[in-house]
PDB file of all heavy atoms in Angstrom:
ATOM      1  N   ALA A   1       1.710  15.268  25.518  1.00  0.00           N
ATOM      2  CA  ALA A   1       2.387  15.708  24.297  1.00  0.00           C
ATOM      3  C   ALA A   1       3.141  14.552  23.640  1.00  0.00           C
ATOM      4  O   ALA A   1       3.154  14.407  22.413  1.00  0.00           O
ATOM      5  CB  ALA A   1       3.342  16.854  24.607  1.00  0.00           C
ATOM      6  N   ILE A   2       3.776  13.709  24.488  1.00  0.00           N
ATOM      7  CA  ILE A   2       4.517  12.563  23.945  1.00  0.00           C
ATOM      8  C   ILE A   2       3.569  11.583  23.266  1.00  0.00           C
ATOM      9  O   ILE A   2       3.821  11.098  22.156  1.00  0.00           O
ATOM     10  CB  ILE A   2       5.325  11.870  25.059  1.00  0.00           C
ATOM     11  CG1 ILE A   2       6.379  12.827  25.623  1.00  0.00           C
ATOM     12  CG2 ILE A   2       5.968  10.593  24.538  1.00  0.00           C
ATOM     13  CD1 ILE A   2       7.144  12.263  26.805  1.00  0.00           C
ATOM     14  N   VAL A   3       2.443  11.302  23.932  1.00  0.00           N
ATOM     15  CA  VAL A   3       1.465  10.370  23.350  1.00  0.00           C
ATOM     16  C   VAL A   3       0.881  10.942  22.066  1.00  0.00           C
ATOM     17  O   VAL A   3       0.717  10.241  21.068  1.00  0.00           O
ATOM     18  CB  VAL A   3       0.359  10.063  24.377  1.00  0.00           C
ATOM     19  CG1 VAL A   3      -0.772   9.273  23.721  1.00  0.00           C
ATOM     20  CG2 VAL A   3       0.935   9.291  25.554  1.00  0.00           C
ATOM     21  N   GLY A   4       0.560  12.231  22.067  1.00  0.00           N
ATOM     22  CA  GLY A   4       0.006  12.848  20.860  1.00  0.00           C
ATOM     23  C   GLY A   4       0.988  12.819  19.706  1.00  0.00           C
ATOM     24  O   GLY A   4       0.609  12.535  18.552  1.00  0.00           O
ATOM     25  N   PHE A   5       2.252  13.129  20.014  1.00  0.00           N
ATOM     26  CA  PHE A   5       3.277  13.109  18.968  1.00  0.00           C
ATOM     27  C   PHE A   5       3.439  11.692  18.401  1.00  0.00           C
ATOM     28  O   PHE A   5       3.477  11.499  17.175  1.00  0.00           O
ATOM     29  CB  PHE A   5       4.607  13.622  19.539  1.00  0.00           C
ATOM     30  CG  PHE A   5       5.744  13.584  18.558  1.00  0.00           C
ATOM     31  CD1 PHE A   5       5.942  14.624  17.662  1.00  0.00           C
ATOM     32  CD2 PHE A   5       6.619  12.497  18.538  1.00  0.00           C
ATOM     33  CE1 PHE A   5       6.987  14.571  16.757  1.00  0.00           C
ATOM     34  CE2 PHE A   5       7.660  12.457  17.635  1.00  0.00           C
ATOM     35  CZ  PHE A   5       7.855  13.499  16.746  1.00  0.00           C
ATOM     36  N   SER A   6       3.556  10.715  19.295  1.00  0.00           N
ATOM     37  CA  SER A   6       3.764   9.337  18.848  1.00  0.00           C
ATOM     38  C   SER A   6       2.568   8.825  18.056  1.00  0.00           C
ATOM     39  O   SER A   6       2.716   8.208  16.995  1.00  0.00           O
ATOM     40  CB  SER A   6       4.018   8.432  20.059  1.00  0.00           C
ATOM     41  OG  SER A   6       5.131   8.891  20.800  1.00  0.00           O
ATOM     42  N   THR A   7       1.366   9.115  18.588  1.00  0.00           N
ATOM     43  CA  THR A   7       0.166   8.634  17.903  1.00  0.00           C
ATOM     44  C   THR A   7       0.006   9.275  16.532  1.00  0.00           C
ATOM     45  O   THR A   7      -0.314   8.594  15.545  1.00  0.00           O
ATOM     46  CB  THR A   7      -1.077   8.921  18.754  1.00  0.00           C
ATOM     47  OG1 THR A   7      -0.903   8.374  20.069  1.00  0.00           O
ATOM     48  CG2 THR A   7      -2.311   8.318  18.126  1.00  0.00           C
ATOM     49  N   GLY A   8       0.226  10.560  16.447  1.00  0.00           N
ATOM     50  CA  GLY A   8       0.095  11.241  15.163  1.00  0.00           C
ATOM     51  C   GLY A   8       1.071  10.714  14.125  1.00  0.00           C
ATOM     52  O   GLY A   8       0.710  10.492  12.951  1.00  0.00           O
ATOM     53  N   HIS A   9       2.324  10.513  14.533  1.00  0.00           N
ATOM     54  CA  HIS A   9       3.314  10.018  13.586  1.00  0.00           C
ATOM     55  C   HIS A   9       3.068   8.555  13.227  1.00  0.00           C
ATOM     56  O   HIS A   9       3.319   8.143  12.079  1.00  0.00           O
ATOM     57  CB  HIS A   9       4.719  10.193  14.163  1.00  0.00           C
ATOM     58  CG  HIS A   9       5.208  11.599  14.079  1.00  0.00           C
ATOM     59  ND1 HIS A   9       4.673  12.637  14.828  1.00  0.00           N
ATOM     60  CD2 HIS A   9       6.191  12.169  13.300  1.00  0.00           C
ATOM     61  CE1 HIS A   9       5.288  13.762  14.541  1.00  0.00           C
ATOM     62  NE2 HIS A   9       6.215  13.518  13.616  1.00  0.00           N
ATOM     63  N   MET A  10       2.593   7.771  14.200  1.00  0.00           N
ATOM     64  CA  MET A  10       2.257   6.377  13.874  1.00  0.00           C
ATOM     65  C   MET A  10       1.121   6.318  12.853  1.00  0.00           C
ATOM     66  O   MET A  10       1.165   5.518  11.902  1.00  0.00           O
ATOM     67  CB  MET A  10       1.859   5.628  15.152  1.00  0.00           C
ATOM     68  CG  MET A  10       3.026   5.327  16.079  1.00  0.00           C
ATOM     69  SD  MET A  10       2.486   4.624  17.653  1.00  0.00           S
ATOM     70  CE  MET A  10       1.650   3.163  17.098  1.00  0.00           C
ATOM     71  N   PHE A  11       0.115   7.173  13.030  1.00  0.00           N
ATOM     72  CA  PHE A  11      -0.989   7.170  12.079  1.00  0.00           C
ATOM     73  C   PHE A  11      -0.525   7.654  10.702  1.00  0.00           C
ATOM     74  O   PHE A  11      -0.911   7.099   9.667  1.00  0.00           O
ATOM     75  CB  PHE A  11      -2.114   8.060  12.594  1.00  0.00           C
ATOM     76  CG  PHE A  11      -3.186   8.297  11.570  1.00  0.00           C
ATOM     77  CD1 PHE A  11      -4.020   7.266  11.165  1.00  0.00           C
ATOM     78  CD2 PHE A  11      -3.339   9.551  10.988  1.00  0.00           C
ATOM     79  CE1 PHE A  11      -4.997   7.479  10.216  1.00  0.00           C
ATOM     80  CE2 PHE A  11      -4.312   9.771  10.039  1.00  0.00           C
ATOM     81  CZ  PHE A  11      -5.145   8.732   9.648  1.00  0.00           C
ATOM     82  N   GLU A  12       0.316   8.689  10.690  1.00  0.00           N
ATOM     83  CA  GLU A  12       0.807   9.189   9.404  1.00  0.00           C
ATOM     84  C   GLU A  12       1.606   8.118   8.670  1.00  0.00           C
ATOM     85  O   GLU A  12       1.431   7.904   7.460  1.00  0.00           O
ATOM     86  CB  GLU A  12       1.667  10.431   9.632  1.00  0.00           C
ATOM     87  CG  GLU A  12       2.166  11.060   8.324  1.00  0.00           C
ATOM     88  CD  GLU A  12       3.010  12.303   8.575  1.00  0.00           C
ATOM     89  OE1 GLU A  12       3.156  12.703   9.749  1.00  0.00           O
ATOM     90  OE2 GLU A  12       3.537  12.854   7.584  1.00  0.00           O
ATOM     91  N   LEU A  13       2.488   7.443   9.420  1.00  0.00           N
ATOM     92  CA  LEU A  13       3.276   6.385   8.791  1.00  0.00           C
ATOM     93  C   LEU A  13       2.383   5.221   8.350  1.00  0.00           C
ATOM     94  O   LEU A  13       2.595   4.639   7.280  1.00  0.00           O
ATOM     95  CB  LEU A  13       4.341   5.898   9.770  1.00  0.00           C
ATOM     96  CG  LEU A  13       5.291   4.806   9.240  1.00  0.00           C
ATOM     97  CD1 LEU A  13       6.079   5.324   8.040  1.00  0.00           C
ATOM     98  CD2 LEU A  13       6.228   4.329  10.339  1.00  0.00           C
ATOM     99  N   ALA A  14       1.345   4.930   9.152  1.00  0.00           N
ATOM    100  CA  ALA A  14       0.466   3.801   8.826  1.00  0.00           C
ATOM    101  C   ALA A  14      -0.326   4.070   7.553  1.00  0.00           C
ATOM    102  O   ALA A  14      -0.399   3.207   6.659  1.00  0.00           O
ATOM    103  CB  ALA A  14      -0.489   3.529   9.993  1.00  0.00           C
ATOM    104  N   TRP A  15      -0.922   5.270   7.415  1.00  0.00           N
ATOM    105  CA  TRP A  15      -1.732   5.490   6.222  1.00  0.00           C
ATOM    106  C   TRP A  15      -0.869   5.659   4.974  1.00  0.00           C
ATOM    107  O   TRP A  15      -1.266   5.268   3.870  1.00  0.00           O
ATOM    108  CB  TRP A  15      -2.686   6.662   6.410  1.00  0.00           C
ATOM    109  CG  TRP A  15      -2.116   8.047   6.323  1.00  0.00           C
ATOM    110  CD1 TRP A  15      -1.785   8.861   7.352  1.00  0.00           C
ATOM    111  CD2 TRP A  15      -1.844   8.788   5.116  1.00  0.00           C
ATOM    112  NE1 TRP A  15      -1.301  10.060   6.891  1.00  0.00           N
ATOM    113  CE2 TRP A  15      -1.336  10.052   5.520  1.00  0.00           C
ATOM    114  CE3 TRP A  15      -1.960   8.524   3.773  1.00  0.00           C
ATOM    115  CZ2 TRP A  15      -0.946  11.015   4.615  1.00  0.00           C
ATOM    116  CZ3 TRP A  15      -1.581   9.494   2.867  1.00  0.00           C
ATOM    117  CH2 TRP A  15      -1.085  10.720   3.280  1.00  0.00           C
ATOM    118  N   LYS A  16       0.330   6.216   5.141  1.00  0.00           N
ATOM    119  CA  LYS A  16       1.222   6.313   3.976  1.00  0.00           C
ATOM    120  C   LYS A  16       1.685   4.934   3.518  1.00  0.00           C
ATOM    121  O   LYS A  16       1.719   4.648   2.315  1.00  0.00           O
ATOM    122  CB  LYS A  16       2.422   7.202   4.309  1.00  0.00           C
ATOM    123  CG  LYS A  16       2.088   8.690   4.378  1.00  0.00           C
ATOM    124  CD  LYS A  16       3.331   9.525   4.621  1.00  0.00           C
ATOM    125  CE  LYS A  16       2.998  11.019   4.624  1.00  0.00           C
ATOM    126  NZ  LYS A  16       4.187  11.860   4.858  1.00  0.00           N
ATOM    127  N   CYS A  17       2.040   4.094   4.499  1.00  0.00           N
ATOM    128  CA  CYS A  17       2.453   2.727   4.141  1.00  0.00           C
ATOM    129  C   CYS A  17       1.297   1.958   3.508  1.00  0.00           C
ATOM    130  O   CYS A  17       1.485   1.203   2.542  1.00  0.00           O
ATOM    131  CB  CYS A  17       2.972   1.998   5.371  1.00  0.00           C
ATOM    132  SG  CYS A  17       4.508   2.671   6.045  1.00  0.00           S
ATOM    133  N   SER A  18       0.093   2.143   4.055  1.00  0.00           N
ATOM    134  CA  SER A  18      -1.074   1.465   3.484  1.00  0.00           C
ATOM    135  C   SER A  18      -1.333   1.933   2.055  1.00  0.00           C
ATOM    136  O   SER A  18      -1.682   1.141   1.176  1.00  0.00           O
ATOM    137  CB  SER A  18      -2.305   1.723   4.351  1.00  0.00           C
ATOM    138  OG  SER A  18      -2.099   1.261   5.663  1.00  0.00           O
ATOM    139  N   LEU A  19      -1.145   3.231   1.825  1.00  0.00           N
ATOM    140  CA  LEU A  19      -1.345   3.760   0.472  1.00  0.00           C
ATOM    141  C   LEU A  19      -0.302   3.189  -0.494  1.00  0.00           C
ATOM    142  O   LEU A  19      -0.628   2.835  -1.638  1.00  0.00           O
ATOM    143  CB  LEU A  19      -1.264   5.284   0.502  1.00  0.00           C
ATOM    144  CG  LEU A  19      -1.549   5.997  -0.830  1.00  0.00           C
ATOM    145  CD1 LEU A  19      -2.950   5.678  -1.309  1.00  0.00           C
ATOM    146  CD2 LEU A  19      -1.371   7.503  -0.670  1.00  0.00           C
ATOM    147  N   VAL A  20       0.934   3.072  -0.021  1.00  0.00           N
ATOM    148  CA  VAL A  20       1.978   2.478  -0.864  1.00  0.00           C
ATOM    149  C   VAL A  20       1.621   1.031  -1.196  1.00  0.00           C
ATOM    150  O   VAL A  20       1.725   0.593  -2.358  1.00  0.00           O
ATOM    151  CB  VAL A  20       3.343   2.562  -0.155  1.00  0.00           C
ATOM    152  CG1 VAL A  20       4.391   1.715  -0.886  1.00  0.00           C
ATOM    153  CG2 VAL A  20       3.807   4.003  -0.077  1.00  0.00           C
ATOM    154  N   LEU A  21       1.181   0.272  -0.194  1.00  0.00           N
ATOM    155  CA  LEU A  21       0.804  -1.125  -0.441  1.00  0.00           C
ATOM    156  C   LEU A  21      -0.383  -1.221  -1.389  1.00  0.00           C
ATOM    157  O   LEU A  21      -0.430  -2.111  -2.243  1.00  0.00           O
ATOM    158  CB  LEU A  21       0.474  -1.811   0.886  1.00  0.00           C
ATOM    159  CG  LEU A  21       1.646  -2.042   1.837  1.00  0.00           C
ATOM    160  CD1 LEU A  21       1.152  -2.648   3.151  1.00  0.00           C
ATOM    161  CD2 LEU A  21       2.679  -2.964   1.202  1.00  0.00           C
ATOM    162  N   LEU A  22      -1.329  -0.302  -1.241  1.00  0.00           N
ATOM    163  CA  LEU A  22      -2.518  -0.345  -2.093  1.00  0.00           C
ATOM    164  C   LEU A  22      -2.161  -0.039  -3.546  1.00  0.00           C
ATOM    165  O   LEU A  22      -2.605  -0.736  -4.469  1.00  0.00           O
ATOM    166  CB  LEU A  22      -3.555   0.652  -1.574  1.00  0.00           C
ATOM    167  CG  LEU A  22      -4.944   0.579  -2.216  1.00  0.00           C
ATOM    168  CD1 LEU A  22      -5.566  -0.783  -1.979  1.00  0.00           C
ATOM    169  CD2 LEU A  22      -5.847   1.668  -1.642  1.00  0.00           C
ATOM    170  N   VAL A  23      -1.339   0.995  -3.751  1.00  0.00           N
ATOM    171  CA  VAL A  23      -0.937   1.341  -5.121  1.00  0.00           C
ATOM    172  C   VAL A  23      -0.101   0.221  -5.733  1.00  0.00           C
ATOM    173  O   VAL A  23      -0.293  -0.164  -6.896  1.00  0.00           O
ATOM    174  CB  VAL A  23      -0.165   2.675  -5.118  1.00  0.00           C
ATOM    175  CG1 VAL A  23       0.415   2.956  -6.500  1.00  0.00           C
ATOM    176  CG2 VAL A  23      -1.083   3.815  -4.697  1.00  0.00           C
ATOM    177  N   TRP A  24       0.806  -0.317  -4.947  1.00  0.00           N
ATOM    178  CA  TRP A  24       1.652  -1.388  -5.464  1.00  0.00           C
ATOM    179  C   TRP A  24       0.833  -2.650  -5.754  1.00  0.00           C
ATOM    180  O   TRP A  24       1.076  -3.347  -6.744  1.00  0.00           O
ATOM    181  CB  TRP A  24       2.761  -1.702  -4.473  1.00  0.00           C
ATOM    182  CG  TRP A  24       3.590  -2.883  -4.895  1.00  0.00           C
ATOM    183  CD1 TRP A  24       3.641  -4.104  -4.325  1.00  0.00           C
ATOM    184  CD2 TRP A  24       4.478  -2.937  -6.023  1.00  0.00           C
ATOM    185  NE1 TRP A  24       4.486  -4.929  -5.002  1.00  0.00           N
ATOM    186  CE2 TRP A  24       5.023  -4.227  -6.066  1.00  0.00           C
ATOM    187  CE3 TRP A  24       4.848  -2.010  -6.993  1.00  0.00           C
ATOM    188  CZ2 TRP A  24       5.927  -4.626  -7.034  1.00  0.00           C
ATOM    189  CZ3 TRP A  24       5.753  -2.418  -7.965  1.00  0.00           C
ATOM    190  CH2 TRP A  24       6.281  -3.702  -7.982  1.00  0.00           C
ATOM    191  N   SER A  25      -0.143  -2.948  -4.905  1.00  0.00           N
ATOM    192  CA  SER A  25      -0.975  -4.137  -5.138  1.00  0.00           C
ATOM    193  C   SER A  25      -1.850  -3.960  -6.375  1.00  0.00           C
ATOM    194  O   SER A  25      -2.112  -4.931  -7.090  1.00  0.00           O
ATOM    195  CB  SER A  25      -1.842  -4.413  -3.910  1.00  0.00           C
ATOM    196  OG  SER A  25      -2.694  -3.307  -3.628  1.00  0.00           O
ATOM    197  N   ALA A  26      -2.301  -2.724  -6.651  1.00  0.00           N
ATOM    198  CA  ALA A  26      -3.061  -2.482  -7.882  1.00  0.00           C
ATOM    199  C   ALA A  26      -2.185  -2.732  -9.111  1.00  0.00           C
ATOM    200  O   ALA A  26      -2.623  -3.347 -10.092  1.00  0.00           O
ATOM    201  CB  ALA A  26      -3.606  -1.056  -7.896  1.00  0.00           C
ATOM    202  N   ALA A  27      -0.935  -2.273  -9.046  1.00  0.00           N
ATOM    203  CA  ALA A  27      -0.006  -2.550 -10.148  1.00  0.00           C
ATOM    204  C   ALA A  27       0.279  -4.047 -10.249  1.00  0.00           C
ATOM    205  O   ALA A  27       0.396  -4.601 -11.361  1.00  0.00           O
ATOM    206  CB  ALA A  27       1.294  -1.776  -9.938  1.00  0.00           C
ATOM    207  N   ASP A  28       0.372  -4.703  -9.096  1.00  0.00           N
ATOM    208  CA  ASP A  28       0.615  -6.143  -9.100  1.00  0.00           C
ATOM    209  C   ASP A  28      -0.559  -6.891  -9.733  1.00  0.00           C
ATOM    210  O   ASP A  28      -0.369  -7.865 -10.472  1.00  0.00           O
ATOM    211  CB  ASP A  28       0.846  -6.638  -7.672  1.00  0.00           C
ATOM    212  CG  ASP A  28       1.066  -8.133  -7.617  1.00  0.00           C
ATOM    213  OD1 ASP A  28       2.064  -8.607  -8.190  1.00  0.00           O
ATOM    214  OD2 ASP A  28       0.225  -8.825  -7.015  1.00  0.00           O
ATOM    215  N   TYR A  29      -1.781  -6.436  -9.467  1.00  0.00           N
ATOM    216  CA  TYR A  29      -2.957  -7.071 -10.085  1.00  0.00           C
ATOM    217  C   TYR A  29      -2.933  -6.893 -11.600  1.00  0.00           C
ATOM    218  O   TYR A  29      -3.261  -7.812 -12.353  1.00  0.00           O
ATOM    219  CB  TYR A  29      -4.236  -6.486  -9.507  1.00  0.00           C
ATOM    220  CG  TYR A  29      -5.472  -6.942 -10.240  1.00  0.00           C
ATOM    221  CD1 TYR A  29      -5.911  -8.257 -10.144  1.00  0.00           C
ATOM    222  CD2 TYR A  29      -6.186  -6.057 -11.043  1.00  0.00           C
ATOM    223  CE1 TYR A  29      -7.036  -8.687 -10.830  1.00  0.00           C
ATOM    224  CE2 TYR A  29      -7.316  -6.477 -11.729  1.00  0.00           C
ATOM    225  CZ  TYR A  29      -7.736  -7.790 -11.616  1.00  0.00           C
ATOM    226  OH  TYR A  29      -8.845  -8.205 -12.294  1.00  0.00           O
ATOM    227  N   PHE A  30      -2.539  -5.708 -12.043  1.00  0.00           N
ATOM    228  CA  PHE A  30      -2.436  -5.475 -13.490  1.00  0.00           C
ATOM    229  C   PHE A  30      -1.407  -6.420 -14.114  1.00  0.00           C
ATOM    230  O   PHE A  30      -1.641  -7.002 -15.182  1.00  0.00           O
ATOM    231  CB  PHE A  30      -2.056  -4.015 -13.750  1.00  0.00           C
ATOM    232  CG  PHE A  30      -1.864  -3.695 -15.201  1.00  0.00           C
ATOM    233  CD1 PHE A  30      -2.950  -3.534 -16.052  1.00  0.00           C
ATOM    234  CD2 PHE A  30      -0.576  -3.553 -15.714  1.00  0.00           C
ATOM    235  CE1 PHE A  30      -2.764  -3.249 -17.400  1.00  0.00           C
ATOM    236  CE2 PHE A  30      -0.383  -3.260 -17.061  1.00  0.00           C
ATOM    237  CZ  PHE A  30      -1.479  -3.108 -17.908  1.00  0.00           C
ATOM    238  N   LEU A  31      -0.260  -6.599 -13.449  1.00  0.00           N
ATOM    239  CA  LEU A  31       0.760  -7.506 -13.965  1.00  0.00           C
ATOM    240  C   LEU A  31       0.277  -8.949 -13.953  1.00  0.00           C
ATOM    241  O   LEU A  31       0.547  -9.713 -14.895  1.00  0.00           O
ATOM    242  CB  LEU A  31       2.041  -7.372 -13.131  1.00  0.00           C
ATOM    243  CG  LEU A  31       2.748  -6.013 -13.205  1.00  0.00           C
ATOM    244  CD1 LEU A  31       3.934  -5.983 -12.248  1.00  0.00           C
ATOM    245  CD2 LEU A  31       3.207  -5.728 -14.625  1.00  0.00           C
ATOM    246  N   GLU A  32      -0.445  -9.328 -12.891  1.00  0.00           N
ATOM    247  CA  GLU A  32      -0.992 -10.686 -12.826  1.00  0.00           C
ATOM    248  C   GLU A  32      -2.004 -10.922 -13.941  1.00  0.00           C
ATOM    249  O   GLU A  32      -2.057 -12.004 -14.527  1.00  0.00           O
ATOM    250  CB  GLU A  32      -1.654 -10.915 -11.464  1.00  0.00           C
ATOM    251  CG  GLU A  32      -0.687 -11.096 -10.320  1.00  0.00           C
ATOM    252  CD  GLU A  32       0.066 -12.408 -10.427  1.00  0.00           C
ATOM    253  OE1 GLU A  32      -0.514 -13.379 -10.940  1.00  0.00           O
ATOM    254  OE2 GLU A  32       1.221 -12.453  -9.991  1.00  0.00           O
ATOM    255  N   ARG A  33      -2.788  -9.910 -14.226  1.00  0.00           N
ATOM    256  CA  ARG A  33      -3.773 -10.044 -15.298  1.00  0.00           C
ATOM    257  C   ARG A  33      -3.089 -10.213 -16.651  1.00  0.00           C
ATOM    258  O   ARG A  33      -3.507 -11.030 -17.470  1.00  0.00           O
ATOM    259  CB  ARG A  33      -4.683  -8.819 -15.306  1.00  0.00           C
ATOM    260  CG  ARG A  33      -5.831  -8.932 -16.283  1.00  0.00           C
ATOM    261  CD  ARG A  33      -6.809  -7.822 -16.085  1.00  0.00           C
ATOM    262  NE  ARG A  33      -7.944  -7.966 -16.956  1.00  0.00           N
ATOM    263  CZ  ARG A  33      -9.190  -7.732 -16.631  1.00  0.00           C
ATOM    264  NH1 ARG A  33      -9.473  -7.360 -15.397  1.00  0.00           N
ATOM    265  NH2 ARG A  33     -10.164  -7.873 -17.490  1.00  0.00           N
ATOM    266  N   GLN A  34      -2.032  -9.427 -16.884  1.00  0.00           N
ATOM    267  CA  GLN A  34      -1.301  -9.560 -18.131  1.00  0.00           C
ATOM    268  C   GLN A  34      -0.649 -10.938 -18.245  1.00  0.00           C
ATOM    269  O   GLN A  34      -0.664 -11.561 -19.313  1.00  0.00           O
ATOM    270  CB  GLN A  34      -0.220  -8.472 -18.228  1.00  0.00           C
ATOM    271  CG  GLN A  34      -0.779  -7.054 -18.330  1.00  0.00           C
ATOM    272  CD  GLN A  34      -1.554  -6.856 -19.627  1.00  0.00           C
ATOM    273  OE1 GLN A  34      -2.776  -6.714 -19.613  1.00  0.00           O
ATOM    274  NE2 GLN A  34      -0.865  -6.859 -20.739  1.00  0.00           N
ATOM    275  N   ARG A  35      -0.089 -11.411 -17.143  1.00  0.00           N
ATOM    276  CA  ARG A  35       0.560 -12.731 -17.163  1.00  0.00           C
ATOM    277  C   ARG A  35      -0.472 -13.826 -17.394  1.00  0.00           C
ATOM    278  O   ARG A  35      -0.227 -14.784 -18.154  1.00  0.00           O
ATOM    279  CB  ARG A  35       1.283 -12.973 -15.832  1.00  0.00           C
ATOM    280  CG  ARG A  35       2.054 -14.281 -15.775  1.00  0.00           C
ATOM    281  CD  ARG A  35       2.612 -14.515 -14.400  1.00  0.00           C
ATOM    282  NE  ARG A  35       1.537 -14.629 -13.414  1.00  0.00           N
ATOM    283  CZ  ARG A  35       0.835 -15.743 -13.220  1.00  0.00           C
ATOM    284  NH1 ARG A  35       1.067 -16.822 -13.945  1.00  0.00           N
ATOM    285  NH2 ARG A  35      -0.109 -15.776 -12.298  1.00  0.00           N
ATOM    286  N   ASN A  36      -1.648 -13.698 -16.771  1.00  0.00           N
ATOM    287  CA  ASN A  36      -2.686 -14.702 -16.961  1.00  0.00           C
ATOM    288  C   ASN A  36      -3.187 -14.718 -18.407  1.00  0.00           C
ATOM    289  O   ASN A  36      -3.426 -15.788 -18.989  1.00  0.00           O
ATOM    290  CB  ASN A  36      -3.850 -14.418 -16.002  1.00  0.00           C
ATOM    291  CG  ASN A  36      -4.882 -15.516 -16.019  1.00  0.00           C
ATOM    292  OD1 ASN A  36      -4.605 -16.658 -15.659  1.00  0.00           O
ATOM    293  ND2 ASN A  36      -6.092 -15.182 -16.433  1.00  0.00           N
ATOM    294  N   GLU A  37      -3.356 -13.529 -18.990  1.00  0.00           N
ATOM    295  CA  GLU A  37      -3.770 -13.471 -20.396  1.00  0.00           C
ATOM    296  C   GLU A  37      -2.721 -14.111 -21.299  1.00  0.00           C
ATOM    297  O   GLU A  37      -3.059 -14.785 -22.286  1.00  0.00           O
ATOM    298  CB  GLU A  37      -4.000 -12.010 -20.808  1.00  0.00           C
ATOM    299  CG  GLU A  37      -5.236 -11.383 -20.209  1.00  0.00           C
ATOM    300  CD  GLU A  37      -6.516 -12.018 -20.730  1.00  0.00           C
ATOM    301  OE1 GLU A  37      -6.543 -12.410 -21.913  1.00  0.00           O
ATOM    302  OE2 GLU A  37      -7.476 -12.147 -19.952  1.00  0.00           O
ATOM    303  N   SER A  38      -1.445 -13.901 -20.971  1.00  0.00           N
ATOM    304  CA  SER A  38      -0.385 -14.512 -21.764  1.00  0.00           C
ATOM    305  C   SER A  38      -0.393 -16.027 -21.631  1.00  0.00           C
ATOM    306  O   SER A  38      -0.177 -16.756 -22.605  1.00  0.00           O
ATOM    307  CB  SER A  38       0.972 -13.949 -21.341  1.00  0.00           C
ATOM    308  OG  SER A  38       2.018 -14.559 -22.062  1.00  0.00           O
ATOM    309  N   ASP A  39      -0.662 -16.521 -20.407  1.00  0.00           N
ATOM    310  CA  ASP A  39      -0.712 -17.972 -20.201  1.00  0.00           C
ATOM    311  C   ASP A  39      -1.911 -18.611 -20.900  1.00  0.00           C
ATOM    312  O   ASP A  39      -1.849 -19.793 -21.284  1.00  0.00           O
ATOM    313  CB  ASP A  39      -0.770 -18.290 -18.708  1.00  0.00           C
ATOM    314  CG  ASP A  39       0.521 -17.922 -18.003  1.00  0.00           C
ATOM    315  OD1 ASP A  39       1.546 -17.781 -18.694  1.00  0.00           O
ATOM    316  OD2 ASP A  39       0.499 -17.767 -16.766  1.00  0.00           O
ATOM    317  N   LEU A  40      -2.988 -17.865 -21.050  1.00  0.00           N
ATOM    318  CA  LEU A  40      -4.197 -18.421 -21.659  1.00  0.00           C
ATOM    319  C   LEU A  40      -4.186 -18.368 -23.180  1.00  0.00           C
ATOM    320  O   LEU A  40      -5.085 -18.938 -23.805  1.00  0.00           O
ATOM    321  CB  LEU A  40      -5.427 -17.662 -21.147  1.00  0.00           C
ATOM    322  CG  LEU A  40      -5.818 -17.886 -19.690  1.00  0.00           C
ATOM    323  CD1 LEU A  40      -7.021 -17.031 -19.332  1.00  0.00           C
ATOM    324  CD2 LEU A  40      -6.115 -19.349 -19.419  1.00  0.00           C
TER     325      LEU A  40
END
């Protein structure tokens, strides 16, 4: 039960954190693209 609880919560935290990083990195790419267009 302890292993199942820990593993389940670790996976939940991992995929949520990964989703946050993915969404934020997509926004970061959009900002980088805008900055690059401004520099060009």
